[in-house]
PDB file of N, CA and C in Angstrom:
ATOM      1  N   MET A   1       0.852  -1.187   0.000  1.00  0.00           N
ATOM      2  CA  MET A   1       0.000   0.000   0.000  1.00  0.00           C
ATOM      3  C   MET A   1       0.892   1.243   0.000  1.00  0.00           C
ATOM      4  N   SER A   2       0.667   2.099  -0.957  1.00  0.00           N
ATOM      5  CA  SER A   2       1.486   3.309  -1.031  1.00  0.00           C
ATOM      6  C   SER A   2       0.839   4.433  -0.235  1.00  0.00           C
ATOM      7  N   VAL A   3       1.662   5.368   0.149  1.00  0.00           N
ATOM      8  CA  VAL A   3       1.181   6.515   0.919  1.00  0.00           C
ATOM      9  C   VAL A   3       0.510   7.492  -0.037  1.00  0.00           C
ATOM     10  N   LYS A   4      -0.583   8.038   0.394  1.00  0.00           N
ATOM     11  CA  LYS A   4      -1.315   8.990  -0.449  1.00  0.00           C
ATOM     12  C   LYS A   4      -0.472  10.249  -0.662  1.00  0.00           C
ATOM     13  N   PRO A   5      -0.528  10.808  -1.877  1.00  0.00           N
ATOM     14  CA  PRO A   5       0.302  11.986  -2.181  1.00  0.00           C
ATOM     15  C   PRO A   5       0.026  13.180  -1.280  1.00  0.00           C
ATOM     16  N   TRP A   6      -1.217  13.380  -0.858  1.00  0.00           N
ATOM     17  CA  TRP A   6      -1.515  14.549  -0.024  1.00  0.00           C
ATOM     18  C   TRP A   6      -0.886  14.426   1.348  1.00  0.00           C
ATOM     19  N   ILE A   7      -0.713  13.184   1.828  1.00  0.00           N
ATOM     20  CA  ILE A   7      -0.060  12.997   3.120  1.00  0.00           C
ATOM     21  C   ILE A   7       1.416  13.359   3.012  1.00  0.00           C
ATOM     22  N   VAL A   8       2.066  12.887   1.940  1.00  0.00           N
ATOM     23  CA  VAL A   8       3.485  13.191   1.730  1.00  0.00           C
ATOM     24  C   VAL A   8       3.680  14.698   1.580  1.00  0.00           C
ATOM     25  N   TYR A   9       2.829  15.331   0.764  1.00  0.00           N
ATOM     26  CA  TYR A   9       2.955  16.770   0.528  1.00  0.00           C
ATOM     27  C   TYR A   9       2.741  17.553   1.830  1.00  0.00           C
ATOM     28  N   SER A  10       1.768  17.141   2.624  1.00  0.00           N
ATOM     29  CA  SER A  10       1.520  17.816   3.901  1.00  0.00           C
ATOM     30  C   SER A  10       2.697  17.660   4.855  1.00  0.00           C
ATOM     31  N   LEU A  11       3.267  16.464   4.906  1.00  0.00           N
ATOM     32  CA  LEU A  11       4.417  16.243   5.782  1.00  0.00           C
ATOM     33  C   LEU A  11       5.633  17.049   5.330  1.00  0.00           C
ATOM     34  N   VAL A  12       5.831  17.162   4.024  1.00  0.00           N
ATOM     35  CA  VAL A  12       6.937  17.976   3.509  1.00  0.00           C
ATOM     36  C   VAL A  12       6.738  19.439   3.896  1.00  0.00           C
ATOM     37  N   ARG A  13       5.512  19.932   3.725  1.00  0.00           N
ATOM     38  CA  ARG A  13       5.225  21.326   4.085  1.00  0.00           C
ATOM     39  C   ARG A  13       5.413  21.569   5.579  1.00  0.00           C
ATOM     40  N   LEU A  14       4.939  20.642   6.401  1.00  0.00           N
ATOM     41  CA  LEU A  14       5.106  20.785   7.852  1.00  0.00           C
ATOM     42  C   LEU A  14       6.579  20.709   8.246  1.00  0.00           C
ATOM     43  N   GLY A  15       7.325  19.836   7.580  1.00  0.00           N
ATOM     44  CA  GLY A  15       8.751  19.728   7.859  1.00  0.00           C
ATOM     45  C   GLY A  15       9.495  21.004   7.516  1.00  0.00           C
ATOM     46  N   LEU A  16       9.174  21.591   6.364  1.00  0.00           N
ATOM     47  CA  LEU A  16       9.792  22.869   5.980  1.00  0.00           C
ATOM     48  C   LEU A  16       9.454  23.962   6.986  1.00  0.00           C
ATOM     49  N   PHE A  17       8.181  24.012   7.376  1.00  0.00           N
ATOM     50  CA  PHE A  17       7.769  25.007   8.359  1.00  0.00           C
ATOM     51  C   PHE A  17       8.520  24.801   9.666  1.00  0.00           C
ATOM     52  N   GLY A  18       8.560  23.558  10.133  1.00  0.00           N
ATOM     53  CA  GLY A  18       9.214  23.262  11.408  1.00  0.00           C
ATOM     54  C   GLY A  18      10.696  23.592  11.392  1.00  0.00           C
ATOM     55  N   ALA A  19      11.368  23.239  10.300  1.00  0.00           N
ATOM     56  CA  ALA A  19      12.804  23.517  10.208  1.00  0.00           C
ATOM     57  C   ALA A  19      13.074  25.019  10.189  1.00  0.00           C
ATOM     58  N   THR A  20      12.274  25.759   9.420  1.00  0.00           N
ATOM     59  CA  THR A  20      12.457  27.208   9.338  1.00  0.00           C
ATOM     60  C   THR A  20      12.123  27.873  10.668  1.00  0.00           C
ATOM     61  N   PHE A  21      11.022  27.451  11.279  1.00  0.00           N
ATOM     62  CA  PHE A  21      10.616  28.017  12.562  1.00  0.00           C
ATOM     63  C   PHE A  21      11.675  27.755  13.636  1.00  0.00           C
ATOM     64  N   THR A  22      12.200  26.533  13.659  1.00  0.00           N
ATOM     65  CA  THR A  22      13.234  26.188  14.643  1.00  0.00           C
ATOM     66  C   THR A  22      14.493  27.018  14.430  1.00  0.00           C
ATOM     67  N   ALA A  23      14.892  27.169  13.172  1.00  0.00           N
ATOM     68  CA  ALA A  23      16.085  27.961  12.881  1.00  0.00           C
ATOM     69  C   ALA A  23      15.904  29.413  13.329  1.00  0.00           C
ATOM     70  N   LEU A  24      14.733  29.956  13.085  1.00  0.00           N
ATOM     71  CA  LEU A  24      14.473  31.339  13.492  1.00  0.00           C
ATOM     72  C   LEU A  24      14.396  31.470  15.013  1.00  0.00           C
ATOM     73  N   GLN A  25      13.872  30.460  15.681  1.00  0.00           N
ATOM     74  CA  GLN A  25      13.835  30.498  17.141  1.00  0.00           C
ATOM     75  C   GLN A  25      15.242  30.418  17.729  1.00  0.00           C
ATOM     76  N   LEU A  26      16.126  29.639  17.094  1.00  0.00           N
ATOM     77  CA  LEU A  26      17.509  29.565  17.551  1.00  0.00           C
ATOM     78  C   LEU A  26      18.229  30.900  17.358  1.00  0.00           C
ATOM     79  N   LEU A  27      17.768  31.672  16.370  1.00  0.00           N
ATOM     80  CA  LEU A  27      18.311  33.015  16.154  1.00  0.00           C
ATOM     81  C   LEU A  27      17.611  34.043  17.047  1.00  0.00           C
ATOM     82  N   GLU A  28      16.743  33.573  17.928  1.00  0.00           N
ATOM     83  CA  GLU A  28      16.019  34.391  18.898  1.00  0.00           C
ATOM     84  C   GLU A  28      15.104  35.440  18.265  1.00  0.00           C
ATOM     85  N   VAL A  29      14.434  35.028  17.198  1.00  0.00           N
ATOM     86  CA  VAL A  29      13.419  35.869  16.569  1.00  0.00           C
ATOM     87  C   VAL A  29      12.123  35.675  17.353  1.00  0.00           C
ATOM     88  N   TYR A  30      11.367  36.760  17.549  1.00  0.00           N
ATOM     89  CA  TYR A  30      10.086  36.701  18.257  1.00  0.00           C
ATOM     90  C   TYR A  30       9.223  35.617  17.609  1.00  0.00           C
ATOM     91  N   TRP A  31       8.531  34.810  18.418  1.00  0.00           N
ATOM     92  CA  TRP A  31       7.845  33.615  17.921  1.00  0.00           C
ATOM     93  C   TRP A  31       6.796  33.919  16.859  1.00  0.00           C
ATOM     94  N   LEU A  32       6.078  35.035  16.981  1.00  0.00           N
ATOM     95  CA  LEU A  32       5.046  35.360  15.999  1.00  0.00           C
ATOM     96  C   LEU A  32       5.669  35.672  14.644  1.00  0.00           C
ATOM     97  N   TRP A  33       6.753  36.475  14.664  1.00  0.00           N
ATOM     98  CA  TRP A  33       7.448  36.783  13.407  1.00  0.00           C
ATOM     99  C   TRP A  33       8.083  35.522  12.820  1.00  0.00           C
ATOM    100  N   ALA A  34       8.606  34.668  13.684  1.00  0.00           N
ATOM    101  CA  ALA A  34       9.194  33.416  13.215  1.00  0.00           C
ATOM    102  C   ALA A  34       8.131  32.544  12.539  1.00  0.00           C
ATOM    103  N   ALA A  35       6.934  32.500  13.106  1.00  0.00           N
ATOM    104  CA  ALA A  35       5.859  31.710  12.514  1.00  0.00           C
ATOM    105  C   ALA A  35       5.422  32.275  11.168  1.00  0.00           C
ATOM    106  N   ILE A  36       5.333  33.600  11.072  1.00  0.00           N
ATOM    107  CA  ILE A  36       4.929  34.229   9.814  1.00  0.00           C
ATOM    108  C   ILE A  36       5.985  33.986   8.739  1.00  0.00           C
ATOM    109  N   VAL A  37       7.244  34.210   9.080  1.00  0.00           N
ATOM    110  CA  VAL A  37       8.319  34.011   8.103  1.00  0.00           C
ATOM    111  C   VAL A  37       8.413  32.534   7.716  1.00  0.00           C
ATOM    112  N   ALA A  38       8.281  31.635   8.686  1.00  0.00           N
ATOM    113  CA  ALA A  38       8.346  30.200   8.391  1.00  0.00           C
ATOM    114  C   ALA A  38       7.211  29.773   7.467  1.00  0.00           C
ATOM    115  N   THR A  39       6.036  30.352   7.644  1.00  0.00           N
ATOM    116  CA  THR A  39       4.905  30.039   6.775  1.00  0.00           C
ATOM    117  C   THR A  39       5.188  30.487   5.342  1.00  0.00           C
ATOM    118  N   VAL A  40       5.661  31.713   5.184  1.00  0.00           N
ATOM    119  CA  VAL A  40       5.941  32.236   3.845  1.00  0.00           C
ATOM    120  C   VAL A  40       7.067  31.437   3.180  1.00  0.00           C
ATOM    121  N   VAL A  41       8.122  31.149   3.923  1.00  0.00           N
ATOM    122  CA  VAL A  41       9.250  30.412   3.360  1.00  0.00           C
ATOM    123  C   VAL A  41       8.831  28.999   2.965  1.00  0.00           C
ATOM    124  N   SER A  42       8.067  28.311   3.816  1.00  0.00           N
ATOM    125  CA  SER A  42       7.647  26.949   3.479  1.00  0.00           C
ATOM    126  C   SER A  42       6.698  26.936   2.278  1.00  0.00           C
ATOM    127  N   MET A  43       5.843  27.946   2.183  1.00  0.00           N
ATOM    128  CA  MET A  43       4.965  28.032   1.009  1.00  0.00           C
ATOM    129  C   MET A  43       5.769  28.257  -0.258  1.00  0.00           C
ATOM    130  N   ALA A  44       6.721  29.173  -0.214  1.00  0.00           N
ATOM    131  CA  ALA A  44       7.518  29.484  -1.404  1.00  0.00           C
ATOM    132  C   ALA A  44       8.366  28.292  -1.845  1.00  0.00           C
ATOM    133  N   ILE A  45       9.025  27.658  -0.898  1.00  0.00           N
ATOM    134  CA  ILE A  45       9.873  26.524  -1.254  1.00  0.00           C
ATOM    135  C   ILE A  45       9.039  25.368  -1.796  1.00  0.00           C
ATOM    136  N   SER A  46       7.919  25.078  -1.167  1.00  0.00           N
ATOM    137  CA  SER A  46       7.097  23.965  -1.640  1.00  0.00           C
ATOM    138  C   SER A  46       6.473  24.280  -2.997  1.00  0.00           C
ATOM    139  N   TYR A  47       6.154  25.531  -3.251  1.00  0.00           N
ATOM    140  CA  TYR A  47       5.587  25.911  -4.544  1.00  0.00           C
ATOM    141  C   TYR A  47       6.613  25.746  -5.660  1.00  0.00           C
ATOM    142  N   ILE A  48       7.852  26.117  -5.385  1.00  0.00           N
ATOM    143  CA  ILE A  48       8.897  26.054  -6.408  1.00  0.00           C
ATOM    144  C   ILE A  48       9.502  24.653  -6.514  1.00  0.00           C
ATOM    145  N   ALA A  49       9.885  24.077  -5.393  1.00  0.00           N
ATOM    146  CA  ALA A  49      10.668  22.845  -5.417  1.00  0.00           C
ATOM    147  C   ALA A  49       9.823  21.575  -5.480  1.00  0.00           C
ATOM    148  N   PHE A  50       8.583  21.635  -5.073  1.00  0.00           N
ATOM    149  CA  PHE A  50       7.771  20.425  -5.013  1.00  0.00           C
ATOM    150  C   PHE A  50       6.554  20.506  -5.924  1.00  0.00           C
ATOM    151  N   ALA A  51       6.740  21.072  -7.112  1.00  0.00           N
ATOM    152  CA  ALA A  51       5.641  21.196  -8.069  1.00  0.00           C
ATOM    153  C   ALA A  51       5.149  19.821  -8.519  1.00  0.00           C
ATOM    154  N   GLY A  52       6.058  18.873  -8.704  1.00  0.00           N
ATOM    155  CA  GLY A  52       5.664  17.533  -9.128  1.00  0.00           C
ATOM    156  C   GLY A  52       4.794  16.840  -8.092  1.00  0.00           C
ATOM    157  N   LEU A  53       5.162  16.983  -6.843  1.00  0.00           N
ATOM    158  CA  LEU A  53       4.372  16.390  -5.763  1.00  0.00           C
ATOM    159  C   LEU A  53       3.007  17.057  -5.667  1.00  0.00           C
ATOM    160  N   ARG A  54       2.981  18.351  -5.840  1.00  0.00           N
ATOM    161  CA  ARG A  54       1.708  19.088  -5.810  1.00  0.00           C
ATOM    162  C   ARG A  54       0.818  18.646  -6.969  1.00  0.00           C
ATOM    163  N   ASP A  55       1.418  18.394  -8.141  1.00  0.00           N
ATOM    164  CA  ASP A  55       0.641  17.913  -9.289  1.00  0.00           C
ATOM    165  C   ASP A  55       0.064  16.525  -9.029  1.00  0.00           C
ATOM    166  N   ARG A  56       0.821  15.660  -8.354  1.00  0.00           N
ATOM    167  CA  ARG A  56       0.306  14.327  -8.018  1.00  0.00           C
ATOM    168  C   ARG A  56      -0.880  14.430  -7.056  1.00  0.00           C
ATOM    169  N   VAL A  57      -0.810  15.383  -6.130  1.00  0.00           N
ATOM    170  CA  VAL A  57      -1.939  15.598  -5.217  1.00  0.00           C
ATOM    171  C   VAL A  57      -3.166  16.037  -6.020  1.00  0.00           C
ATOM    172  N   ALA A  58      -2.981  16.948  -6.944  1.00  0.00           N
ATOM    173  CA  ALA A  58      -4.088  17.434  -7.768  1.00  0.00           C
ATOM    174  C   ALA A  58      -4.672  16.309  -8.626  1.00  0.00           C
ATOM    175  N   GLN A  59      -3.813  15.463  -9.189  1.00  0.00           N
ATOM    176  CA  GLN A  59      -4.296  14.341  -9.997  1.00  0.00           C
ATOM    177  C   GLN A  59      -5.062  13.334  -9.148  1.00  0.00           C
ATOM    178  N   ASP A  60      -4.586  13.095  -7.934  1.00  0.00           N
ATOM    179  CA  ASP A  60      -5.275  12.179  -7.028  1.00  0.00           C
ATOM    180  C   ASP A  60      -6.655  12.716  -6.666  1.00  0.00           C
ATOM    181  N   LEU A  61      -6.742  14.010  -6.391  1.00  0.00           N
ATOM    182  CA  LEU A  61      -8.043  14.611  -6.073  1.00  0.00           C
ATOM    183  C   LEU A  61      -8.978  14.566  -7.275  1.00  0.00           C
ATOM    184  N   ALA A  62      -8.446  14.810  -8.474  1.00  0.00           N
ATOM    185  CA  ALA A  62      -9.274  14.759  -9.684  1.00  0.00           C
ATOM    186  C   ALA A  62      -9.773  13.341  -9.940  1.00  0.00           C
ATOM    187  N   ALA A  63      -8.921  12.342  -9.697  1.00  0.00           N
ATOM    188  CA  ALA A  63      -9.333  10.951  -9.891  1.00  0.00           C
ATOM    189  C   ALA A  63     -10.419  10.568  -8.896  1.00  0.00           C
ATOM    190  N   ARG A  64     -10.292  11.027  -7.657  1.00  0.00           N
ATOM    191  CA  ARG A  64     -11.330  10.736  -6.663  1.00  0.00           C
ATOM    192  C   ARG A  64     -12.641  11.404  -7.036  1.00  0.00           C
ATOM    193  N   ARG A  65     -12.546  12.615  -7.532  1.00  0.00           N
ATOM    194  CA  ARG A  65     -13.749  13.349  -7.926  1.00  0.00           C
ATOM    195  C   ARG A  65     -14.429  12.672  -9.116  1.00  0.00           C
ATOM    196  N   ALA A  66     -13.641  12.148 -10.053  1.00  0.00           N
ATOM    197  CA  ALA A  66     -14.192  11.502 -11.238  1.00  0.00           C
ATOM    198  C   ALA A  66     -14.891  10.185 -10.900  1.00  0.00           C
ATOM    199  N   ARG A  67     -14.430   9.515  -9.851  1.00  0.00           N
ATOM    200  CA  ARG A  67     -15.049   8.242  -9.457  1.00  0.00           C
ATOM    201  C   ARG A  67     -16.462   8.441  -8.932  1.00  0.00           C
ATOM    202  N   GLY A  68     -16.745   9.571  -8.368  1.00  0.00           N
ATOM    203  CA  GLY A  68     -18.077   9.838  -7.841  1.00  0.00           C
ATOM    204  C   GLY A  68     -18.304   9.176  -6.507  1.00  0.00           C
ATOM    205  N   SER A  69     -19.560   8.978  -6.183  1.00  0.00           N
ATOM    206  CA  SER A  69     -19.892   8.402  -4.879  1.00  0.00           C
ATOM    207  C   SER A  69     -19.589   6.905  -4.864  1.00  0.00           C
ATOM    208  N   VAL A  70     -19.430   6.381  -3.691  1.00  0.00           N
ATOM    209  CA  VAL A  70     -19.122   4.968  -3.526  1.00  0.00           C
ATOM    210  C   VAL A  70     -20.335   4.107  -3.869  1.00  0.00           C
ATOM    211  N   ASP A  71     -21.518   4.572  -3.515  1.00  0.00           N
ATOM    212  CA  ASP A  71     -22.742   3.811  -3.737  1.00  0.00           C
ATOM    213  C   ASP A  71     -23.633   4.552  -4.731  1.00  0.00           C
ATOM    214  N   PRO A  72     -23.633   4.130  -6.006  1.00  0.00           N
ATOM    215  CA  PRO A  72     -24.450   4.856  -6.991  1.00  0.00           C
ATOM    216  C   PRO A  72     -25.949   4.704  -6.750  1.00  0.00           C
ATOM    217  N   ASP A  73     -26.365   3.678  -5.999  1.00  0.00           N
ATOM    218  CA  ASP A  73     -27.786   3.477  -5.725  1.00  0.00           C
ATOM    219  C   ASP A  73     -28.279   4.280  -4.530  1.00  0.00           C
ATOM    220  N   ALA A  74     -27.364   4.981  -3.849  1.00  0.00           N
ATOM    221  CA  ALA A  74     -27.752   5.739  -2.657  1.00  0.00           C
ATOM    222  C   ALA A  74     -28.767   6.823  -3.000  1.00  0.00           C
ATOM    223  N   ALA A  75     -28.613   7.472  -4.141  1.00  0.00           N
ATOM    224  CA  ALA A  75     -29.555   8.525  -4.536  1.00  0.00           C
ATOM    225  C   ALA A  75     -30.946   7.935  -4.766  1.00  0.00           C
ATOM    226  N   ASP A  76     -31.018   6.738  -5.371  1.00  0.00           N
ATOM    227  CA  ASP A  76     -32.309   6.097  -5.597  1.00  0.00           C
ATOM    228  C   ASP A  76     -32.972   5.737  -4.278  1.00  0.00           C
ATOM    229  N   GLU A  77     -32.182   5.240  -3.331  1.00  0.00           N
ATOM    230  CA  GLU A  77     -32.731   4.884  -2.021  1.00  0.00           C
ATOM    231  C   GLU A  77     -33.254   6.122  -1.306  1.00  0.00           C
ATOM    232  N   ASP A  78     -32.525   7.231  -1.413  1.00  0.00           N
ATOM    233  CA  ASP A  78     -32.972   8.470  -0.781  1.00  0.00           C
ATOM    234  C   ASP A  78     -34.271   8.961  -1.409  1.00  0.00           C
ATOM    235  N   ALA A  79     -34.354   8.888  -2.726  1.00  0.00           N
ATOM    236  CA  ALA A  79     -35.555   9.343  -3.417  1.00  0.00           C
ATOM    237  C   ALA A  79     -36.751   8.470  -3.042  1.00  0.00           C
ATOM    238  N   LEU A  80     -36.542   7.160  -2.950  1.00  0.00           N
ATOM    239  CA  LEU A  80     -37.621   6.263  -2.568  1.00  0.00           C
ATOM    240  C   LEU A  80     -38.106   6.554  -1.151  1.00  0.00           C
ATOM    241  N   ALA A  81     -37.175   6.782  -0.227  1.00  0.00           N
ATOM    242  CA  ALA A  81     -37.554   7.097   1.146  1.00  0.00           C
ATOM    243  C   ALA A  81     -38.330   8.408   1.212  1.00  0.00           C
ATOM    244  N   GLU A  82     -37.906   9.386   0.437  1.00  0.00           N
ATOM    245  CA  GLU A  82     -38.611  10.672   0.430  1.00  0.00           C
ATOM    246  C   GLU A  82     -40.008  10.519  -0.148  1.00  0.00           C
ATOM    247  N   ASN A  83     -40.124   9.794  -1.252  1.00  0.00           N
ATOM    248  CA  ASN A  83     -41.442   9.599  -1.856  1.00  0.00           C
ATOM    249  C   ASN A  83     -42.380   8.851  -0.917  1.00  0.00           C
ATOM    250  N   THR A  84     -41.872   7.846  -0.221  1.00  0.00           N
ATOM    251  CA  THR A  84     -42.684   7.089   0.735  1.00  0.00           C
ATOM    252  C   THR A  84     -43.160   7.993   1.863  1.00  0.00           C
ATOM    253  N   ALA A  85     -42.277   8.828   2.381  1.00  0.00           N
ATOM    254  CA  ALA A  85     -42.643   9.736   3.469  1.00  0.00           C
ATOM    255  C   ALA A  85     -43.690  10.740   3.017  1.00  0.00           C
ATOM    256  N   VAL A  86     -43.588  11.227   1.797  1.00  0.00           N
ATOM    257  CA  VAL A  86     -44.562  12.198   1.285  1.00  0.00           C
ATOM    258  C   VAL A  86     -45.903  11.524   1.067  1.00  0.00           C
ATOM    259  N   ASP A  87     -45.882  10.314   0.538  1.00  0.00           N
ATOM    260  CA  ASP A  87     -47.138   9.613   0.268  1.00  0.00           C
ATOM    261  C   ASP A  87     -47.870   9.229   1.543  1.00  0.00           C
ATOM    262  N   GLU A  88     -47.146   8.946   2.622  1.00  0.00           N
ATOM    263  CA  GLU A  88     -47.771   8.533   3.878  1.00  0.00           C
ATOM    264  C   GLU A  88     -48.421   9.695   4.624  1.00  0.00           C
ATOM    265  N   HIS A  89     -47.991  10.901   4.385  1.00  0.00           N
ATOM    266  CA  HIS A  89     -48.527  12.065   5.093  1.00  0.00           C
ATOM    267  C   HIS A  89     -49.302  12.925   4.098  1.00  0.00           C
ATOM    268  N   PRO A  90     -50.610  13.024   4.310  1.00  0.00           N
ATOM    269  CA  PRO A  90     -51.414  13.832   3.391  1.00  0.00           C
ATOM    270  C   PRO A  90     -51.072  15.310   3.523  1.00  0.00           C
ATOM    271  N   ARG A  91     -51.288  15.990   2.455  1.00  0.00           N
ATOM    272  CA  ARG A  91     -51.012  17.435   2.420  1.00  0.00           C
ATOM    273  C   ARG A  91     -52.056  18.159   3.253  1.00  0.00           C
ATOM    274  N   PRO A  92     -51.628  19.098   4.104  1.00  0.00           N
ATOM    275  CA  PRO A  92     -52.605  19.872   4.891  1.00  0.00           C
ATOM    276  C   PRO A  92     -53.404  20.780   3.971  1.00  0.00           C
ATOM    277  N   PRO A  93     -54.600  21.104   4.380  1.00  0.00           N
ATOM    278  CA  PRO A  93     -55.423  22.009   3.534  1.00  0.00           C
ATOM    279  C   PRO A  93     -54.731  23.355   3.377  1.00  0.00           C
ATOM    280  N   SER A  94     -54.861  23.900   2.206  1.00  0.00           N
ATOM    281  CA  SER A  94     -54.186  25.182   1.957  1.00  0.00           C
ATOM    282  C   SER A  94     -54.965  26.293   2.652  1.00  0.00           C
ATOM    283  N   SER A  95     -54.238  27.302   3.088  1.00  0.00           N
ATOM    284  CA  SER A  95     -54.871  28.403   3.825  1.00  0.00           C
ATOM    285  C   SER A  95     -55.500  29.422   2.900  1.00  0.00           C
ATOM    286  N   THR A  96     -55.250  29.328   1.611  1.00  0.00           N
ATOM    287  CA  THR A  96     -55.799  30.314   0.680  1.00  0.00           C
ATOM    288  C   THR A  96     -57.214  29.966   0.249  1.00  0.00           C
ATOM    289  N   SER A  97     -57.571  28.684   0.361  1.00  0.00           N
ATOM    290  CA  SER A  97     -58.928  28.323  -0.056  1.00  0.00           C
ATOM    291  C   SER A  97     -59.893  28.544   1.113  1.00  0.00           C
ATOM    292  N   ARG A  98     -61.020  29.167   0.812  1.00  0.00           N
ATOM    293  CA  ARG A  98     -62.019  29.436   1.828  1.00  0.00           C
ATOM    294  C   ARG A  98     -63.269  28.626   1.525  1.00  0.00           C
ATOM    295  N   GLU A  99     -63.802  28.070   2.591  1.00  0.00           N
ATOM    296  CA  GLU A  99     -65.065  27.352   2.425  1.00  0.00           C
ATOM    297  C   GLU A  99     -66.193  28.280   2.876  1.00  0.00           C
ATOM    298  N   PRO A 100     -67.248  28.344   2.067  1.00  0.00           N
ATOM    299  CA  PRO A 100     -68.372  29.257   2.439  1.00  0.00           C
ATOM    300  C   PRO A 100     -69.201  28.769   3.569  1.00  0.00           C
TER     301      PRO A 100
END
Protein backbone atom coordinates (compact mmCIF):
# COMPACT_ATOMS: atom_id res chain seq x y z
CA MET A 1 0.00 0.00 0.00
CA SER A 2 1.49 3.31 -1.03
CA VAL A 3 1.18 6.52 0.92
CA LYS A 4 -1.31 8.99 -0.45
CA PRO A 5 0.30 11.99 -2.18
CA TRP A 6 -1.52 14.55 -0.02
CA ILE A 7 -0.06 13.00 3.12
CA VAL A 8 3.48 13.19 1.73
CA TYR A 9 2.95 16.77 0.53
CA SER A 10 1.52 17.82 3.90
CA LEU A 11 4.42 16.24 5.78
CA VAL A 12 6.94 17.98 3.51
CA ARG A 13 5.23 21.33 4.08
CA LEU A 14 5.11 20.79 7.85
CA GLY A 15 8.75 19.73 7.86
CA LEU A 16 9.79 22.87 5.98
CA PHE A 17 7.77 25.01 8.36
CA GLY A 18 9.21 23.26 11.41
CA ALA A 19 12.80 23.52 10.21
CA THR A 20 12.46 27.21 9.34
CA PHE A 21 10.62 28.02 12.56
CA THR A 22 13.23 26.19 14.64
CA ALA A 23 16.08 27.96 12.88
CA LEU A 24 14.47 31.34 13.49
CA GLN A 25 13.83 30.50 17.14
CA LEU A 26 17.51 29.56 17.55
CA LEU A 27 18.31 33.02 16.15
CA GLU A 28 16.02 34.39 18.90
CA VAL A 29 13.42 35.87 16.57
CA TYR A 30 10.09 36.70 18.26
CA TRP A 31 7.84 33.61 17.92
CA LEU A 32 5.05 35.36 16.00
CA TRP A 33 7.45 36.78 13.41
CA ALA A 34 9.19 33.42 13.22
CA ALA A 35 5.86 31.71 12.51
CA ILE A 36 4.93 34.23 9.81
CA VAL A 37 8.32 34.01 8.10
CA ALA A 38 8.35 30.20 8.39
CA THR A 39 4.90 30.04 6.78
CA VAL A 40 5.94 32.24 3.84
CA VAL A 41 9.25 30.41 3.36
CA SER A 42 7.65 26.95 3.48
CA MET A 43 4.97 28.03 1.01
CA ALA A 44 7.52 29.48 -1.40
CA ILE A 45 9.87 26.52 -1.25
CA SER A 46 7.10 23.97 -1.64
CA TYR A 47 5.59 25.91 -4.54
CA ILE A 48 8.90 26.05 -6.41
CA ALA A 49 10.67 22.85 -5.42
CA PHE A 50 7.77 20.43 -5.01
CA ALA A 51 5.64 21.20 -8.07
CA GLY A 52 5.66 17.53 -9.13
CA LEU A 53 4.37 16.39 -5.76
CA ARG A 54 1.71 19.09 -5.81
CA ASP A 55 0.64 17.91 -9.29
CA ARG A 56 0.31 14.33 -8.02
CA VAL A 57 -1.94 15.60 -5.22
CA ALA A 58 -4.09 17.43 -7.77
CA GLN A 59 -4.30 14.34 -10.00
CA ASP A 60 -5.28 12.18 -7.03
CA LEU A 61 -8.04 14.61 -6.07
CA ALA A 62 -9.27 14.76 -9.68
CA ALA A 63 -9.33 10.95 -9.89
CA ARG A 64 -11.33 10.74 -6.66
CA ARG A 65 -13.75 13.35 -7.93
CA ALA A 66 -14.19 11.50 -11.24
CA ARG A 67 -15.05 8.24 -9.46
CA GLY A 68 -18.08 9.84 -7.84
CA SER A 69 -19.89 8.40 -4.88
CA VAL A 70 -19.12 4.97 -3.53
CA ASP A 71 -22.74 3.81 -3.74
CA PRO A 72 -24.45 4.86 -6.99
CA ASP A 73 -27.79 3.48 -5.72
CA ALA A 74 -27.75 5.74 -2.66
CA ALA A 75 -29.55 8.52 -4.54
CA ASP A 76 -32.31 6.10 -5.60
CA GLU A 77 -32.73 4.88 -2.02
CA ASP A 78 -32.97 8.47 -0.78
CA ALA A 79 -35.56 9.34 -3.42
CA LEU A 80 -37.62 6.26 -2.57
CA ALA A 81 -37.55 7.10 1.15
CA GLU A 82 -38.61 10.67 0.43
CA ASN A 83 -41.44 9.60 -1.86
CA THR A 84 -42.68 7.09 0.73
CA ALA A 85 -42.64 9.74 3.47
CA VAL A 86 -44.56 12.20 1.29
CA ASP A 87 -47.14 9.61 0.27
CA GLU A 88 -47.77 8.53 3.88
CA HIS A 89 -48.53 12.07 5.09
CA PRO A 90 -51.41 13.83 3.39
CA ARG A 91 -51.01 17.44 2.42
CA PRO A 92 -52.60 19.87 4.89
CA PRO A 93 -55.42 22.01 3.53
CA SER A 94 -54.19 25.18 1.96
CA SER A 95 -54.87 28.40 3.83
CA THR A 96 -55.80 30.31 0.68
CA SER A 97 -58.93 28.32 -0.06
CA ARG A 98 -62.02 29.44 1.83
CA GLU A 99 -65.06 27.35 2.42
CA PRO A 100 -68.37 29.26 2.44
